PDB file of N, CA and C in Angstrom:
ATOM      1  N   UNK A   1      47.369 -36.961-283.178  1.00  0.00           N
ATOM      2  CA  UNK A   1      45.941 -36.888-283.102  1.00  0.00           C
ATOM      3  C   UNK A   1      45.499 -37.916-282.087  1.00  0.00           C
ATOM      4  N   UNK A   2      44.651 -37.736-281.195  1.00  0.00           N
ATOM      5  CA  UNK A   2      43.824 -36.581-280.869  1.00  0.00           C
ATOM      6  C   UNK A   2      44.598 -35.489-280.107  1.00  0.00           C
ATOM      7  N   UNK A   3      43.955 -34.321-279.997  1.00  0.00           N
ATOM      8  CA  UNK A   3      44.516 -33.194-279.258  1.00  0.00           C
ATOM      9  C   UNK A   3      43.618 -32.885-278.064  1.00  0.00           C
ATOM     10  N   UNK A   4      44.243 -32.616-276.921  1.00  0.00           N
ATOM     11  CA  UNK A   4      43.538 -32.103-275.751  1.00  0.00           C
ATOM     12  C   UNK A   4      44.076 -30.697-275.520  1.00  0.00           C
ATOM     13  N   UNK A   5      43.215 -29.704-275.680  1.00  0.00           N
ATOM     14  CA  UNK A   5      43.611 -28.310-275.491  1.00  0.00           C
ATOM     15  C   UNK A   5      42.914 -27.808-274.224  1.00  0.00           C
ATOM     16  N   UNK A   6      43.703 -27.494-273.217  1.00  0.00           N
ATOM     17  CA  UNK A   6      43.176 -27.059-271.923  1.00  0.00           C
ATOM     18  C   UNK A   6      43.360 -25.546-271.815  1.00  0.00           C
ATOM     19  N   UNK A   7      42.296 -24.810-272.068  1.00  0.00           N
ATOM     20  CA  UNK A   7      42.321 -23.357-271.884  1.00  0.00           C
ATOM     21  C   UNK A   7      41.884 -23.073-270.455  1.00  0.00           C
ATOM     22  N   UNK A   8      42.579 -22.152-269.790  1.00  0.00           N
ATOM     23  CA  UNK A   8      42.239 -21.871-268.397  1.00  0.00           C
ATOM     24  C   UNK A   8      42.578 -20.442-268.036  1.00  0.00           C
ATOM     25  N   UNK A   9      41.883 -19.924-267.047  1.00  0.00           N
ATOM     26  CA  UNK A   9      42.210 -18.611-266.500  1.00  0.00           C
ATOM     27  C   UNK A   9      43.646 -18.650-265.996  1.00  0.00           C
ATOM     28  N   UNK A  10      44.409 -17.635-266.319  1.00  0.00           N
ATOM     29  CA  UNK A  10      45.822 -17.604-265.931  1.00  0.00           C
ATOM     30  C   UNK A  10      46.001 -17.755-264.419  1.00  0.00           C
ATOM     31  N   UNK A  11      45.068 -17.215-263.646  1.00  0.00           N
ATOM     32  CA  UNK A  11      45.165 -17.280-262.184  1.00  0.00           C
ATOM     33  C   UNK A  11      45.194 -18.718-261.664  1.00  0.00           C
ATOM     34  N   UNK A  12      44.638 -19.647-262.421  1.00  0.00           N
ATOM     35  CA  UNK A  12      44.621 -21.042-261.979  1.00  0.00           C
ATOM     36  C   UNK A  12      46.010 -21.663-261.984  1.00  0.00           C
ATOM     37  N   UNK A  13      46.939 -21.076-262.714  1.00  0.00           N
ATOM     38  CA  UNK A  13      48.310 -21.593-262.753  1.00  0.00           C
ATOM     39  C   UNK A  13      48.932 -21.621-261.363  1.00  0.00           C
ATOM     40  N   UNK A  14      48.495 -20.721-260.502  1.00  0.00           N
ATOM     41  CA  UNK A  14      49.024 -20.639-259.141  1.00  0.00           C
ATOM     42  C   UNK A  14      48.188 -21.429-258.135  1.00  0.00           C
ATOM     43  N   UNK A  15      47.036 -21.921-258.559  1.00  0.00           N
ATOM     44  CA  UNK A  15      46.117 -22.548-257.604  1.00  0.00           C
ATOM     45  C   UNK A  15      45.954 -24.049-257.782  1.00  0.00           C
ATOM     46  N   UNK A  16      46.236 -24.546-258.978  1.00  0.00           N
ATOM     47  CA  UNK A  16      46.145 -25.994-259.195  1.00  0.00           C
ATOM     48  C   UNK A  16      47.400 -26.474-259.914  1.00  0.00           C
ATOM     49  N   UNK A  17      47.629 -27.757-259.835  1.00  0.00           N
ATOM     50  CA  UNK A  17      48.788 -28.360-260.485  1.00  0.00           C
ATOM     51  C   UNK A  17      48.397 -28.693-261.928  1.00  0.00           C
ATOM     52  N   UNK A  18      48.628 -27.736-262.818  1.00  0.00           N
ATOM     53  CA  UNK A  18      48.225 -27.921-264.219  1.00  0.00           C
ATOM     54  C   UNK A  18      48.979 -29.040-264.927  1.00  0.00           C
ATOM     55  N   UNK A  19      50.288 -29.227-264.680  1.00  0.00           N
ATOM     56  CA  UNK A  19      50.950 -30.376-265.307  1.00  0.00           C
ATOM     57  C   UNK A  19      50.321 -31.712-264.886  1.00  0.00           C
ATOM     58  N   UNK A  20      49.941 -31.818-263.615  1.00  0.00           N
ATOM     59  CA  UNK A  20      49.294 -33.052-263.149  1.00  0.00           C
ATOM     60  C   UNK A  20      47.921 -33.228-263.788  1.00  0.00           C
ATOM     61  N   UNK A  21      47.177 -32.136-263.920  1.00  0.00           N
ATOM     62  CA  UNK A  21      45.874 -32.205-264.583  1.00  0.00           C
ATOM     63  C   UNK A  21      46.036 -32.632-266.036  1.00  0.00           C
ATOM     64  N   UNK A  22      46.972 -32.018-266.739  1.00  0.00           N
ATOM     65  CA  UNK A  22      47.203 -32.372-268.143  1.00  0.00           C
ATOM     66  C   UNK A  22      47.574 -33.847-268.276  1.00  0.00           C
ATOM     67  N   UNK A  23      48.429 -34.317-267.398  1.00  0.00           N
ATOM     68  CA  UNK A  23      48.850 -35.729-267.440  1.00  0.00           C
ATOM     69  C   UNK A  23      47.657 -36.652-267.171  1.00  0.00           C
ATOM     70  N   UNK A  24      46.834 -36.299-266.188  1.00  0.00           N
ATOM     71  CA  UNK A  24      45.666 -37.127-265.866  1.00  0.00           C
ATOM     72  C   UNK A  24      44.695 -37.192-267.042  1.00  0.00           C
ATOM     73  N   UNK A  25      44.457 -36.065-267.700  1.00  0.00           N
ATOM     74  CA  UNK A  25      43.574 -36.058-268.867  1.00  0.00           C
ATOM     75  C   UNK A  25      44.170 -36.888-269.997  1.00  0.00           C
ATOM     76  N   UNK A  26      45.459 -36.731-270.216  1.00  0.00           N
ATOM     77  CA  UNK A  26      46.168 -37.471-271.266  1.00  0.00           C
ATOM     78  C   UNK A  26      46.034 -38.983-271.046  1.00  0.00           C
ATOM     79  N   UNK A  27      46.311 -39.414-269.822  1.00  0.00           N
ATOM     80  CA  UNK A  27      46.253 -40.850-269.518  1.00  0.00           C
ATOM     81  C   UNK A  27      44.826 -41.388-269.579  1.00  0.00           C
ATOM     82  N   UNK A  28      43.861 -40.588-269.151  1.00  0.00           N
ATOM     83  CA  UNK A  28      42.466 -41.018-269.226  1.00  0.00           C
ATOM     84  C   UNK A  28      42.034 -41.236-270.667  1.00  0.00           C
ATOM     85  N   UNK A  29      42.391 -40.292-271.528  1.00  0.00           N
ATOM     86  CA  UNK A  29      42.019 -40.439-272.937  1.00  0.00           C
ATOM     87  C   UNK A  29      42.691 -41.664-273.545  1.00  0.00           C
ATOM     88  N   UNK A  30      43.911 -41.942-273.125  1.00  0.00           N
ATOM     89  CA  UNK A  30      44.644 -43.096-273.655  1.00  0.00           C
ATOM     90  C   UNK A  30      43.939 -44.413-273.344  1.00  0.00           C
ATOM     91  N   UNK A  31      43.125 -44.432-272.298  1.00  0.00           N
ATOM     92  CA  UNK A  31      42.396 -45.647-271.921  1.00  0.00           C
ATOM     93  C   UNK A  31      41.125 -45.860-272.741  1.00  0.00           C
ATOM     94  N   UNK A  32      40.709 -44.860-273.482  1.00  0.00           N
ATOM     95  CA  UNK A  32      39.469 -44.956-274.255  1.00  0.00           C
ATOM     96  C   UNK A  32      39.668 -45.802-275.510  1.00  0.00           C
ATOM     97  N   UNK A  33      38.607 -46.488-275.907  1.00  0.00           N
ATOM     98  CA  UNK A  33      38.685 -47.274-277.131  1.00  0.00           C
ATOM     99  C   UNK A  33      38.918 -46.353-278.325  1.00  0.00           C
ATOM    100  N   UNK A  34      39.593 -46.833-279.297  1.00  0.00           N
ATOM    101  CA  UNK A  34      39.955 -46.155-280.556  1.00  0.00           C
ATOM    102  C   UNK A  34      41.059 -45.113-280.399  1.00  0.00           C
ATOM    103  N   UNK A  35      41.642 -44.971-279.199  1.00  0.00           N
ATOM    104  CA  UNK A  35      42.699 -43.978-278.997  1.00  0.00           C
ATOM    105  C   UNK A  35      44.033 -44.688-278.786  1.00  0.00           C
ATOM    106  N   UNK A  36      45.056 -44.209-279.484  1.00  0.00           N
ATOM    107  CA  UNK A  36      46.413 -44.731-279.338  1.00  0.00           C
ATOM    108  C   UNK A  36      47.215 -43.686-278.567  1.00  0.00           C
ATOM    109  N   UNK A  37      47.757 -44.071-277.420  1.00  0.00           N
ATOM    110  CA  UNK A  37      48.410 -43.116-276.522  1.00  0.00           C
ATOM    111  C   UNK A  37      49.501 -42.307-277.211  1.00  0.00           C
ATOM    112  N   UNK A  38      50.301 -42.925-278.038  1.00  0.00           N
ATOM    113  CA  UNK A  38      51.423 -42.208-278.655  1.00  0.00           C
ATOM    114  C   UNK A  38      50.962 -41.109-279.611  1.00  0.00           C
ATOM    115  N   UNK A  39      49.703 -41.135-279.988  1.00  0.00           N
ATOM    116  CA  UNK A  39      49.175 -40.126-280.912  1.00  0.00           C
ATOM    117  C   UNK A  39      48.555 -38.912-280.212  1.00  0.00           C
ATOM    118  N   UNK A  40      48.380 -38.979-278.896  1.00  0.00           N
ATOM    119  CA  UNK A  40      47.717 -37.891-278.166  1.00  0.00           C
ATOM    120  C   UNK A  40      48.689 -36.730-277.956  1.00  0.00           C
ATOM    121  N   UNK A  41      48.183 -35.531-278.161  1.00  0.00           N
ATOM    122  CA  UNK A  41      48.943 -34.310-277.898  1.00  0.00           C
ATOM    123  C   UNK A  41      48.125 -33.460-276.929  1.00  0.00           C
ATOM    124  N   UNK A  42      48.711 -33.150-275.774  1.00  0.00           N
ATOM    125  CA  UNK A  42      48.004 -32.418-274.729  1.00  0.00           C
ATOM    126  C   UNK A  42      48.767 -31.147-274.395  1.00  0.00           C
ATOM    127  N   UNK A  43      48.019 -30.053-274.216  1.00  0.00           N
ATOM    128  CA  UNK A  43      48.665 -28.790-273.878  1.00  0.00           C
ATOM    129  C   UNK A  43      47.726 -27.911-273.062  1.00  0.00           C
ATOM    130  N   UNK A  44      48.334 -27.003-272.302  1.00  0.00           N
ATOM    131  CA  UNK A  44      47.565 -26.018-271.542  1.00  0.00           C
ATOM    132  C   UNK A  44      47.843 -24.630-272.106  1.00  0.00           C
ATOM    133  N   UNK A  45      46.820 -23.803-272.067  1.00  0.00           N
ATOM    134  CA  UNK A  45      46.938 -22.424-272.546  1.00  0.00           C
ATOM    135  C   UNK A  45      46.326 -21.510-271.483  1.00  0.00           C
ATOM    136  N   UNK A  46      47.163 -20.670-270.879  1.00  0.00           N
ATOM    137  CA  UNK A  46      46.682 -19.706-269.888  1.00  0.00           C
ATOM    138  C   UNK A  46      46.087 -18.505-270.617  1.00  0.00           C
ATOM    139  N   UNK A  47      44.906 -18.103-270.183  1.00  0.00           N
ATOM    140  CA  UNK A  47      44.192 -17.003-270.826  1.00  0.00           C
ATOM    141  C   UNK A  47      44.080 -15.839-269.837  1.00  0.00           C
ATOM    142  N   UNK A  48      44.441 -14.656-270.284  1.00  0.00           N
ATOM    143  CA  UNK A  48      44.373 -13.440-269.466  1.00  0.00           C
ATOM    144  C   UNK A  48      43.014 -12.752-269.642  1.00  0.00           C
ATOM    145  N   UNK A  49      42.684 -11.886-268.697  1.00  0.00           N
ATOM    146  CA  UNK A  49      41.529 -10.988-268.822  1.00  0.00           C
ATOM    147  C   UNK A  49      40.219 -11.722-269.092  1.00  0.00           C
ATOM    148  N   UNK A  50      39.885 -12.658-268.241  1.00  0.00           N
ATOM    149  CA  UNK A  50      38.680 -13.461-268.447  1.00  0.00           C
ATOM    150  C   UNK A  50      37.484 -12.869-267.694  1.00  0.00           C
ATOM    151  N   UNK A  51      36.328 -13.053-268.276  1.00  0.00           N
ATOM    152  CA  UNK A  51      35.063 -12.685-267.642  1.00  0.00           C
ATOM    153  C   UNK A  51      34.147 -13.897-267.767  1.00  0.00           C
ATOM    154  N   UNK A  52      33.602 -14.317-266.638  1.00  0.00           N
ATOM    155  CA  UNK A  52      32.698 -15.461-266.623  1.00  0.00           C
ATOM    156  C   UNK A  52      31.375 -15.009-266.017  1.00  0.00           C
ATOM    157  N   UNK A  53      30.305 -15.196-266.735  1.00  0.00           N
ATOM    158  CA  UNK A  53      28.971 -14.908-266.211  1.00  0.00           C
ATOM    159  C   UNK A  53      28.745 -13.467-265.808  1.00  0.00           C
ATOM    160  N   UNK A  54      28.574 -13.238-264.516  1.00  0.00           N
ATOM    161  CA  UNK A  54      28.177 -11.935-263.977  1.00  0.00           C
ATOM    162  C   UNK A  54      29.337 -10.972-263.772  1.00  0.00           C
ATOM    163  N   UNK A  55      30.507 -11.265-264.319  1.00  0.00           N
ATOM    164  CA  UNK A  55      31.666 -10.376-264.187  1.00  0.00           C
ATOM    165  C   UNK A  55      32.016 -10.166-262.721  1.00  0.00           C
ATOM    166  N   UNK A  56      32.211 -11.266-262.015  1.00  0.00           N
ATOM    167  CA  UNK A  56      32.516 -11.201-260.589  1.00  0.00           C
ATOM    168  C   UNK A  56      34.025 -11.284-260.368  1.00  0.00           C
ATOM    169  N   UNK A  57      34.406 -11.331-259.103  1.00  0.00           N
ATOM    170  CA  UNK A  57      35.819 -11.496-258.760  1.00  0.00           C
ATOM    171  C   UNK A  57      36.262 -12.945-258.955  1.00  0.00           C
ATOM    172  N   UNK A  58      35.334 -13.815-259.233  1.00  0.00           N
ATOM    173  CA  UNK A  58      35.645 -15.239-259.366  1.00  0.00           C
ATOM    174  C   UNK A  58      35.516 -15.672-260.819  1.00  0.00           C
ATOM    175  N   UNK A  59      36.230 -14.997-261.688  1.00  0.00           N
ATOM    176  CA  UNK A  59      36.149 -15.272-263.123  1.00  0.00           C
ATOM    177  C   UNK A  59      37.130 -16.362-263.538  1.00  0.00           C
ATOM    178  N   UNK A  60      37.049 -17.496-262.886  1.00  0.00           N
ATOM    179  CA  UNK A  60      37.948 -18.604-263.183  1.00  0.00           C
ATOM    180  C   UNK A  60      37.233 -19.624-264.051  1.00  0.00           C
ATOM    181  N   UNK A  61      37.966 -20.169-265.020  1.00  0.00           N
ATOM    182  CA  UNK A  61      37.374 -21.205-265.861  1.00  0.00           C
ATOM    183  C   UNK A  61      38.444 -22.157-266.375  1.00  0.00           C
ATOM    184  N   UNK A  62      37.986 -23.344-266.706  1.00  0.00           N
ATOM    185  CA  UNK A  62      38.767 -24.322-267.468  1.00  0.00           C
ATOM    186  C   UNK A  62      37.846 -24.805-268.571  1.00  0.00           C
ATOM    187  N   UNK A  63      38.307 -24.703-269.792  1.00  0.00           N
ATOM    188  CA  UNK A  63      37.551 -25.223-270.933  1.00  0.00           C
ATOM    189  C   UNK A  63      38.482 -26.135-271.719  1.00  0.00           C
ATOM    190  N   UNK A  64      38.075 -27.375-271.873  1.00  0.00           N
ATOM    191  CA  UNK A  64      38.869 -28.348-272.617  1.00  0.00           C
ATOM    192  C   UNK A  64      38.201 -28.611-273.956  1.00  0.00           C
ATOM    193  N   UNK A  65      39.011 -28.546-274.994  1.00  0.00           N
ATOM    194  CA  UNK A  65      38.561 -28.926-276.329  1.00  0.00           C
ATOM    195  C   UNK A  65      39.291 -30.214-276.682  1.00  0.00           C
ATOM    196  N   UNK A  66      38.524 -31.256-276.928  1.00  0.00           N
ATOM    197  CA  UNK A  66      39.067 -32.534-277.372  1.00  0.00           C
ATOM    198  C   UNK A  66      38.864 -32.620-278.874  1.00  0.00           C
ATOM    199  N   UNK A  67      39.965 -32.588-279.605  1.00  0.00           N
ATOM    200  CA  UNK A  67      39.897 -32.637-281.067  1.00  0.00           C
ATOM    201  C   UNK A  67      40.195 -34.063-281.513  1.00  0.00           C
ATOM    202  N   UNK A  68      39.259 -34.616-282.274  1.00  0.00           N
ATOM    203  CA  UNK A  68      39.348 -36.000-282.737  1.00  0.00           C
ATOM    204  C   UNK A  68      39.128 -36.055-284.239  1.00  0.00           C
ATOM    205  N   UNK A  69      39.819 -36.968-284.898  1.00  0.00           N
ATOM    206  CA  UNK A  69      39.496 -37.199-286.303  1.00  0.00           C
ATOM    207  C   UNK A  69      38.086 -37.757-286.389  1.00  0.00           C
ATOM    208  N   UNK A  70      37.367 -37.375-287.416  1.00  0.00           N
ATOM    209  CA  UNK A  70      35.980 -37.807-287.580  1.00  0.00           C
ATOM    210  C   UNK A  70      35.890 -39.330-287.638  1.00  0.00           C
ATOM    211  N   UNK A  71      34.722 -39.840-287.280  1.00  0.00           N
ATOM    212  CA  UNK A  71      34.480 -41.269-287.385  1.00  0.00           C
ATOM    213  C   UNK A  71      34.008 -41.916-286.095  1.00  0.00           C
ATOM    214  N   UNK A  72      34.233 -41.258-284.962  1.00  0.00           N
ATOM    215  CA  UNK A  72      33.753 -41.811-283.698  1.00  0.00           C
ATOM    216  C   UNK A  72      32.302 -41.365-283.491  1.00  0.00           C
ATOM    217  N   UNK A  73      31.480 -42.282-282.979  1.00  0.00           N
ATOM    218  CA  UNK A  73      30.071 -41.924-282.813  1.00  0.00           C
ATOM    219  C   UNK A  73      29.869 -40.993-281.613  1.00  0.00           C
ATOM    220  N   UNK A  74      28.695 -40.412-281.549  1.00  0.00           N
ATOM    221  CA  UNK A  74      28.367 -39.435-280.514  1.00  0.00           C
ATOM    222  C   UNK A  74      28.453 -40.033-279.115  1.00  0.00           C
ATOM    223  N   UNK A  75      28.065 -41.278-278.972  1.00  0.00           N
ATOM    224  CA  UNK A  75      28.111 -41.937-277.660  1.00  0.00           C
ATOM    225  C   UNK A  75      29.546 -42.022-277.162  1.00  0.00           C
ATOM    226  N   UNK A  76      30.470 -42.434-278.020  1.00  0.00           N
ATOM    227  CA  UNK A  76      31.872 -42.547-277.630  1.00  0.00           C
ATOM    228  C   UNK A  76      32.471 -41.172-277.334  1.00  0.00           C
ATOM    229  N   UNK A  77      32.174 -40.186-278.162  1.00  0.00           N
ATOM    230  CA  UNK A  77      32.685 -38.829-277.922  1.00  0.00           C
ATOM    231  C   UNK A  77      32.150 -38.283-276.594  1.00  0.00           C
ATOM    232  N   UNK A  78      30.886 -38.563-276.310  1.00  0.00           N
ATOM    233  CA  UNK A  78      30.307 -38.139-275.034  1.00  0.00           C
ATOM    234  C   UNK A  78      30.964 -38.825-273.853  1.00  0.00           C
ATOM    235  N   UNK A  79      31.255 -40.097-273.994  1.00  0.00           N
ATOM    236  CA  UNK A  79      31.939 -40.849-272.936  1.00  0.00           C
ATOM    237  C   UNK A  79      33.316 -40.249-272.662  1.00  0.00           C
ATOM    238  N   UNK A  80      34.026 -39.903-273.728  1.00  0.00           N
ATOM    239  CA  UNK A  80      35.350 -39.295-273.579  1.00  0.00           C
ATOM    240  C   UNK A  80      35.242 -37.945-272.877  1.00  0.00           C
ATOM    241  N   UNK A  81      34.301 -37.120-273.310  1.00  0.00           N
ATOM    242  CA  UNK A  81      34.128 -35.785-272.724  1.00  0.00           C
ATOM    243  C   UNK A  81      33.765 -35.877-271.246  1.00  0.00           C
ATOM    244  N   UNK A  82      32.873 -36.779-270.898  1.00  0.00           N
ATOM    245  CA  UNK A  82      32.459 -36.918-269.502  1.00  0.00           C
ATOM    246  C   UNK A  82      33.606 -37.401-268.627  1.00  0.00           C
ATOM    247  N   UNK A  83      34.439 -38.295-269.146  1.00  0.00           N
ATOM    248  CA  UNK A  83      35.602 -38.764-268.384  1.00  0.00           C
ATOM    249  C   UNK A  83      36.561 -37.605-268.112  1.00  0.00           C
ATOM    250  N   UNK A  84      36.801 -36.775-269.119  1.00  0.00           N
ATOM    251  CA  UNK A  84      37.679 -35.621-268.934  1.00  0.00           C
ATOM    252  C   UNK A  84      37.072 -34.634-267.934  1.00  0.00           C
ATOM    253  N   UNK A  85      35.777 -34.402-268.025  1.00  0.00           N
ATOM    254  CA  UNK A  85      35.085 -33.488-267.112  1.00  0.00           C
ATOM    255  C   UNK A  85      35.240 -33.943-265.658  1.00  0.00           C
ATOM    256  N   UNK A  86      35.063 -35.240-265.417  1.00  0.00           N
ATOM    257  CA  UNK A  86      35.193 -35.770-264.050  1.00  0.00           C
ATOM    258  C   UNK A  86      36.598 -35.537-263.501  1.00  0.00           C
ATOM    259  N   UNK A  87      37.597 -35.734-264.342  1.00  0.00           N
ATOM    260  CA  UNK A  87      38.980 -35.539-263.892  1.00  0.00           C
ATOM    261  C   UNK A  87      39.233 -34.076-263.556  1.00  0.00           C
ATOM    262  N   UNK A  88      38.798 -33.177-264.414  1.00  0.00           N
ATOM    263  CA  UNK A  88      38.975 -31.746-264.137  1.00  0.00           C
ATOM    264  C   UNK A  88      38.309 -31.398-262.807  1.00  0.00           C
ATOM    265  N   UNK A  89      37.081 -31.838-262.630  1.00  0.00           N
ATOM    266  CA  UNK A  89      36.336 -31.532-261.402  1.00  0.00           C
ATOM    267  C   UNK A  89      37.067 -32.031-260.163  1.00  0.00           C
ATOM    268  N   UNK A  90      37.735 -33.165-260.271  1.00  0.00           N
ATOM    269  CA  UNK A  90      38.463 -33.708-259.119  1.00  0.00           C
ATOM    270  C   UNK A  90      39.717 -32.902-258.791  1.00  0.00           C
ATOM    271  N   UNK A  91      40.212 -32.112-259.730  1.00  0.00           N
ATOM    272  CA  UNK A  91      41.408 -31.291-259.496  1.00  0.00           C
ATOM    273  C   UNK A  91      41.084 -29.892-258.964  1.00  0.00           C
ATOM    274  N   UNK A  92      39.817 -29.511-258.948  1.00  0.00           N
ATOM    275  CA  UNK A  92      39.449 -28.157-258.509  1.00  0.00           C
ATOM    276  C   UNK A  92      38.397 -28.191-257.407  1.00  0.00           C
ATOM    277  N   UNK A  93      38.481 -29.164-256.549  1.00  0.00           N
ATOM    278  CA  UNK A  93      37.456 -29.401-255.534  1.00  0.00           C
ATOM    279  C   UNK A  93      37.137 -28.152-254.707  1.00  0.00           C
ATOM    280  N   UNK A  94      38.124 -27.408-254.264  1.00  0.00           N
ATOM    281  CA  UNK A  94      37.900 -26.266-253.373  1.00  0.00           C
ATOM    282  C   UNK A  94      37.969 -24.919-254.095  1.00  0.00           C
ATOM    283  N   UNK A  95      37.819 -24.920-255.410  1.00  0.00           N
ATOM    284  CA  UNK A  95      37.932 -23.692-256.191  1.00  0.00           C
ATOM    285  C   UNK A  95      36.631 -23.459-256.951  1.00  0.00           C
ATOM    286  N   UNK A  96      36.088 -22.251-256.820  1.00  0.00           N
ATOM    287  CA  UNK A  96      34.903 -21.898-257.606  1.00  0.00           C
ATOM    288  C   UNK A  96      35.364 -21.585-259.024  1.00  0.00           C
ATOM    289  N   UNK A  97      34.971 -22.437-259.951  1.00  0.00           N
ATOM    290  CA  UNK A  97      35.527 -22.369-261.298  1.00  0.00           C
ATOM    291  C   UNK A  97      34.521 -22.953-262.287  1.00  0.00           C
ATOM    292  N   UNK A  98      34.335 -22.276-263.402  1.00  0.00           N
ATOM    293  CA  UNK A  98      33.478 -22.794-264.464  1.00  0.00           C
ATOM    294  C   UNK A  98      34.260 -23.856-265.238  1.00  0.00           C
ATOM    295  N   UNK A  99      33.648 -25.013-265.434  1.00  0.00           N
ATOM    296  CA  UNK A  99      34.305 -26.115-266.145  1.00  0.00           C
ATOM    297  C   UNK A  99      33.440 -26.533-267.319  1.00  0.00           C
ATOM    298  N   UNK A 100      34.071 -26.706-268.470  1.00  0.00           N
ATOM    299  CA  UNK A 100      33.348 -27.204-269.644  1.00  0.00           C
ATOM    300  C   UNK A 100      34.293 -28.018-270.515  1.00  0.00           C
ATOM    301  N   UNK A 101      33.705 -28.948-271.250  1.00  0.00           N
ATOM    302  CA  UNK A 101      34.451 -29.805-272.172  1.00  0.00           C
ATOM    303  C   UNK A 101      33.657 -29.888-273.464  1.00  0.00           C
ATOM    304  N   UNK A 102      34.344 -29.776-274.576  1.00  0.00           N
ATOM    305  CA  UNK A 102      33.706 -29.904-275.884  1.00  0.00           C
ATOM    306  C   UNK A 102      34.544 -30.840-276.739  1.00  0.00           C
ATOM    307  N   UNK A 103      33.890 -31.536-277.643  1.00  0.00           N
ATOM    308  CA  UNK A 103      34.618 -32.347-278.617  1.00  0.00           C
ATOM    309  C   UNK A 103      34.413 -31.743-279.996  1.00  0.00           C
ATOM    310  N   UNK A 104      35.458 -31.785-280.778  1.00  0.00           N
ATOM    311  CA  UNK A 104      35.427 -31.255-282.136  1.00  0.00           C
ATOM    312  C   UNK A 104      35.938 -32.343-283.066  1.00  0.00           C
ATOM    313  N   UNK A 105      35.153 -32.642-284.090  1.00  0.00           N
ATOM    314  CA  UNK A 105      35.593 -33.614-285.088  1.00  0.00           C
ATOM    315  C   UNK A 105      36.386 -32.906-286.181  1.00  0.00           C
ATOM    316  N   UNK A 106      37.539 -33.459-286.482  1.00  0.00           N
ATOM    317  CA  UNK A 106      38.380 -32.898-287.532  1.00  0.00           C
ATOM    318  C   UNK A 106      38.211 -33.720-288.805  1.00  0.00           C
ATOM    319  N   UNK A 107      38.182 -33.053-289.917  1.00  0.00           N
ATOM    320  CA  UNK A 107      37.966 -33.672-291.221  1.00  0.00           C
ATOM    321  C   UNK A 107      39.215 -34.432-291.666  1.00  0.00           C
ATOM    322  N   UNK A 108      39.103 -35.745-291.825  1.00  0.00           N
ATOM    323  CA  UNK A 108      40.246 -36.570-292.244  1.00  0.00           C
ATOM    324  C   UNK A 108      40.812 -36.146-293.590  1.00  0.00           C
ATOM    325  N   UNK A 109      39.950 -35.655-294.455  1.00  0.00           N
ATOM    326  CA  UNK A 109      40.379 -35.301-295.811  1.00  0.00           C
ATOM    327  C   UNK A 109      41.298 -34.082-295.839  1.00  0.00           C
ATOM    328  N   UNK A 110      41.197 -33.221-294.821  1.00  0.00           N
ATOM    329  CA  UNK A 110      42.018 -32.008-294.858  1.00  0.00           C
ATOM    330  C   UNK A 110      42.987 -31.874-293.689  1.00  0.00           C
ATOM    331  N   UNK A 111      42.945 -32.772-292.706  1.00  0.00           N
ATOM    332  CA  UNK A 111      43.885 -32.724-291.591  1.00  0.00           C
ATOM    333  C   UNK A 111      45.231 -33.247-292.070  1.00  0.00           C
ATOM    334  N   UNK A 112      46.274 -32.508-291.780  1.00  0.00           N
ATOM    335  CA  UNK A 112      47.627 -32.906-292.189  1.00  0.00           C
ATOM    336  C   UNK A 112      48.505 -33.050-290.964  1.00  0.00           C
ATOM    337  N   UNK A 113      49.394 -34.035-291.007  1.00  0.00           N
ATOM    338  CA  UNK A 113      50.416 -34.149-289.955  1.00  0.00           C
ATOM    339  C   UNK A 113      51.653 -34.787-290.525  1.00  0.00           C
TER     340      UNK A 113
END
């Protein structure tokens, strides 16, 4: 815990260095307060058959879900999300791509590991 889940259009696998992006996000999160690097789990998931907005030929997206155990305040979660967003944006400079980041709080009482 925490988890970084990077969902992306499958076509991006050929256009950006996804392992480098995943590593950059992982290391950035490790620098945040309340995060222990050895507990972070990061993964990418290629998604087929995507439609973004107007159903154009440019249906590329990256959506990151940052899953955190509950207890961090909204300001800290926002800081984490914005840091991840900046890193993603720096990896897709010349690509028209929808980018979004969300944080999800996980319930400590029912999360098992």
